[in-house]
Amino acid sequence: MCYLFTILNRNVRCMLIVVEDDAGVRVLVEELLLDRGYDVITAQTGDEGLDRIRHEPRLSLVITDIRMPGIDGWELARRAMEMRADLKILYITGYPGEQRPDDAPRGPLLRKPWRAGEFYQCLEQLISSGDARRIDPRS
């Protein structure tokens, strides 16, 4: 599942896309984002996520689950970065043994189950960071 939302950060508007196929996680993430005042739009697949990335010039950050049917999160991030090298990536996974492939774009890997505070902190640090490589908890 894919969400698109907008954040106000230090008077600079930035747009993020979240790609997550699990309905429970999708609802949780949506509620967390809505509680923080973010606008949320949904789409169904990694393909739809890529289409939105392709057509949304304001997009600045991708939040993606790793294991999904069709395009997985690693491949989604690779393709997104080919389109837009300036994007930041936040990975989410429920698989404890998940290892980042050598060719995957850099970004924090947040392992489920995570707490709301951990999610918000990771997200906010990544948004304010000039370098996604500096914020890489638990990867």
Protein backbone atom coordinates (compact mmCIF):
# COMPACT_ATOMS: atom_id res chain seq x y z
CA MET A 1 0.00 0.00 0.00
CA CYS A 2 1.20 3.45 -0.75
CA TYR A 3 0.55 6.71 1.08
CA LEU A 4 1.40 10.17 -0.03
CA PHE A 5 1.52 12.95 2.53
CA THR A 6 2.88 16.43 3.03
CA ILE A 7 4.87 17.77 5.98
CA LEU A 8 5.67 21.30 7.11
CA ASN A 9 9.27 21.31 8.27
CA ARG A 10 10.85 24.63 9.24
CA ASN A 11 8.61 26.48 6.78
CA VAL A 12 9.66 24.16 3.95
CA ARG A 13 7.01 21.83 2.56
CA CYS A 14 8.25 18.39 1.67
CA MET A 15 6.24 15.48 0.31
CA LEU A 16 6.74 11.82 1.29
CA ILE A 17 5.46 8.54 -0.10
CA VAL A 18 4.93 5.39 2.00
CA VAL A 19 4.74 1.99 0.32
CA GLU A 20 3.32 -0.80 2.54
CA ASP A 21 1.25 -3.84 1.53
CA ASP A 22 0.11 -4.99 4.99
CA ALA A 23 -3.32 -3.54 5.86
CA GLY A 24 -2.63 -3.48 9.63
CA VAL A 25 0.64 -1.62 9.23
CA ARG A 26 -0.92 0.62 6.60
CA VAL A 27 -3.70 1.69 9.01
CA LEU A 28 -1.23 2.17 11.88
CA VAL A 29 1.11 4.32 9.80
CA GLU A 30 -1.82 6.31 8.44
CA GLU A 31 -3.11 6.98 11.98
CA LEU A 32 0.35 7.97 13.23
CA LEU A 33 0.78 10.38 10.35
CA LEU A 34 -2.72 11.82 10.69
CA ASP A 35 -2.11 12.32 14.43
CA ARG A 36 0.90 14.46 13.51
CA GLY A 37 -1.14 16.49 11.03
CA TYR A 38 0.17 14.97 7.83
CA ASP A 39 -2.05 14.71 4.74
CA VAL A 40 -2.28 11.07 3.59
CA ILE A 41 -3.18 9.66 0.16
CA THR A 42 -3.13 5.91 -0.62
CA ALA A 43 -2.27 3.69 -3.60
CA GLN A 44 -2.18 -0.10 -3.84
CA THR A 45 1.19 -1.32 -5.20
CA GLY A 46 4.88 -0.65 -5.65
CA ASP A 47 4.13 0.03 -9.31
CA GLU A 48 1.67 2.74 -8.29
CA GLY A 49 4.26 4.12 -5.90
CA LEU A 50 6.79 4.36 -8.72
CA ASP A 51 4.21 6.05 -10.91
CA ARG A 52 3.60 8.67 -8.22
CA ILE A 53 7.32 9.21 -7.74
CA ARG A 54 7.65 9.68 -11.49
CA HIS A 55 4.88 12.29 -11.59
CA GLU A 56 5.38 14.17 -8.30
CA PRO A 57 8.30 16.63 -8.46
CA ARG A 58 7.83 17.75 -4.82
CA LEU A 59 8.51 14.27 -3.45
CA SER A 60 11.54 14.16 -1.14
CA LEU A 61 11.35 10.92 0.90
CA VAL A 62 10.26 7.32 0.29
CA ILE A 63 9.15 5.06 3.17
CA THR A 64 8.91 1.47 1.98
CA ASP A 65 8.29 -1.98 3.37
CA ILE A 66 10.90 -4.47 2.15
CA ARG A 67 8.96 -7.66 1.43
CA MET A 68 5.98 -7.00 -0.80
CA PRO A 69 4.42 -8.83 -3.75
CA GLY A 70 5.74 -7.65 -7.09
CA ILE A 71 8.36 -4.96 -6.64
CA ASP A 72 10.03 -5.34 -3.24
CA GLY A 73 11.25 -2.37 -1.21
CA TRP A 74 14.88 -2.71 -2.26
CA GLU A 75 13.95 -2.66 -5.97
CA LEU A 76 11.46 0.16 -5.40
CA ALA A 77 14.22 2.23 -3.80
CA ARG A 78 16.67 1.44 -6.63
CA ARG A 79 14.17 2.50 -9.30
CA ALA A 80 13.10 5.56 -7.35
CA MET A 81 16.72 6.70 -7.00
CA GLU A 82 17.29 6.18 -10.73
CA MET A 83 14.44 8.60 -11.35
CA ARG A 84 15.31 11.01 -8.55
CA ALA A 85 18.80 10.79 -7.03
CA ASP A 86 17.86 13.41 -4.40
CA LEU A 87 15.27 11.19 -2.68
CA LYS A 88 15.79 9.95 0.87
CA ILE A 89 14.73 6.40 1.76
CA LEU A 90 13.37 4.88 4.98
CA TYR A 91 13.02 1.08 4.93
CA ILE A 92 10.63 -0.86 7.18
CA THR A 93 10.71 -4.63 7.64
CA GLY A 94 9.11 -7.26 9.83
CA TYR A 95 11.77 -9.86 9.03
CA PRO A 96 14.49 -9.94 11.72
CA GLY A 97 17.10 -11.48 9.42
CA GLU A 98 16.60 -8.99 6.60
CA GLN A 99 19.97 -7.82 5.26
CA ARG A 100 20.51 -4.80 3.06
CA PRO A 101 21.80 -5.78 -0.39
CA ASP A 102 25.09 -4.11 -1.31
CA ASP A 103 23.44 -2.26 -4.19
CA ALA A 104 20.47 -0.91 -2.19
CA PRO A 105 20.24 2.85 -1.78
CA ARG A 106 21.26 4.03 1.69
CA GLY A 107 18.71 4.82 4.36
CA PRO A 108 17.64 3.77 7.83
CA LEU A 109 16.16 0.28 8.27
CA LEU A 110 13.41 0.31 10.91
CA ARG A 111 12.54 -3.18 12.12
CA LYS A 112 9.01 -4.14 13.15
CA PRO A 113 7.71 -4.03 15.72
CA TRP A 114 8.70 -0.42 16.24
CA ARG A 115 7.23 2.16 18.60
CA ALA A 116 5.59 5.35 17.41
CA GLY A 117 8.30 7.44 19.04
CA GLU A 118 11.02 5.49 17.25
CA PHE A 119 9.21 5.91 13.92
CA TYR A 120 8.71 9.65 14.43
CA GLN A 121 12.31 10.18 15.54
CA CYS A 122 13.72 8.27 12.58
CA LEU A 123 11.43 10.09 10.15
CA GLU A 124 12.15 13.56 11.55
CA GLN A 125 15.91 12.98 11.63
CA LEU A 126 15.86 11.74 8.06
CA ILE A 127 13.80 14.73 6.89
CA SER A 128 16.12 17.22 8.56
CA SER A 129 19.32 15.36 7.58
CA GLY A 130 21.37 16.48 4.62
CA ASP A 131 22.79 12.96 4.34
CA ALA A 132 20.62 9.84 4.70
CA ARG A 133 23.73 7.74 5.33
CA ARG A 134 24.24 9.36 8.74
CA ILE A 135 20.94 8.04 10.09
CA ASP A 136 21.00 4.28 9.87
CA PRO A 137 19.67 2.74 13.09
CA ARG A 138 19.65 -1.05 13.32
CA SER A 139 20.73 -1.62 9.71
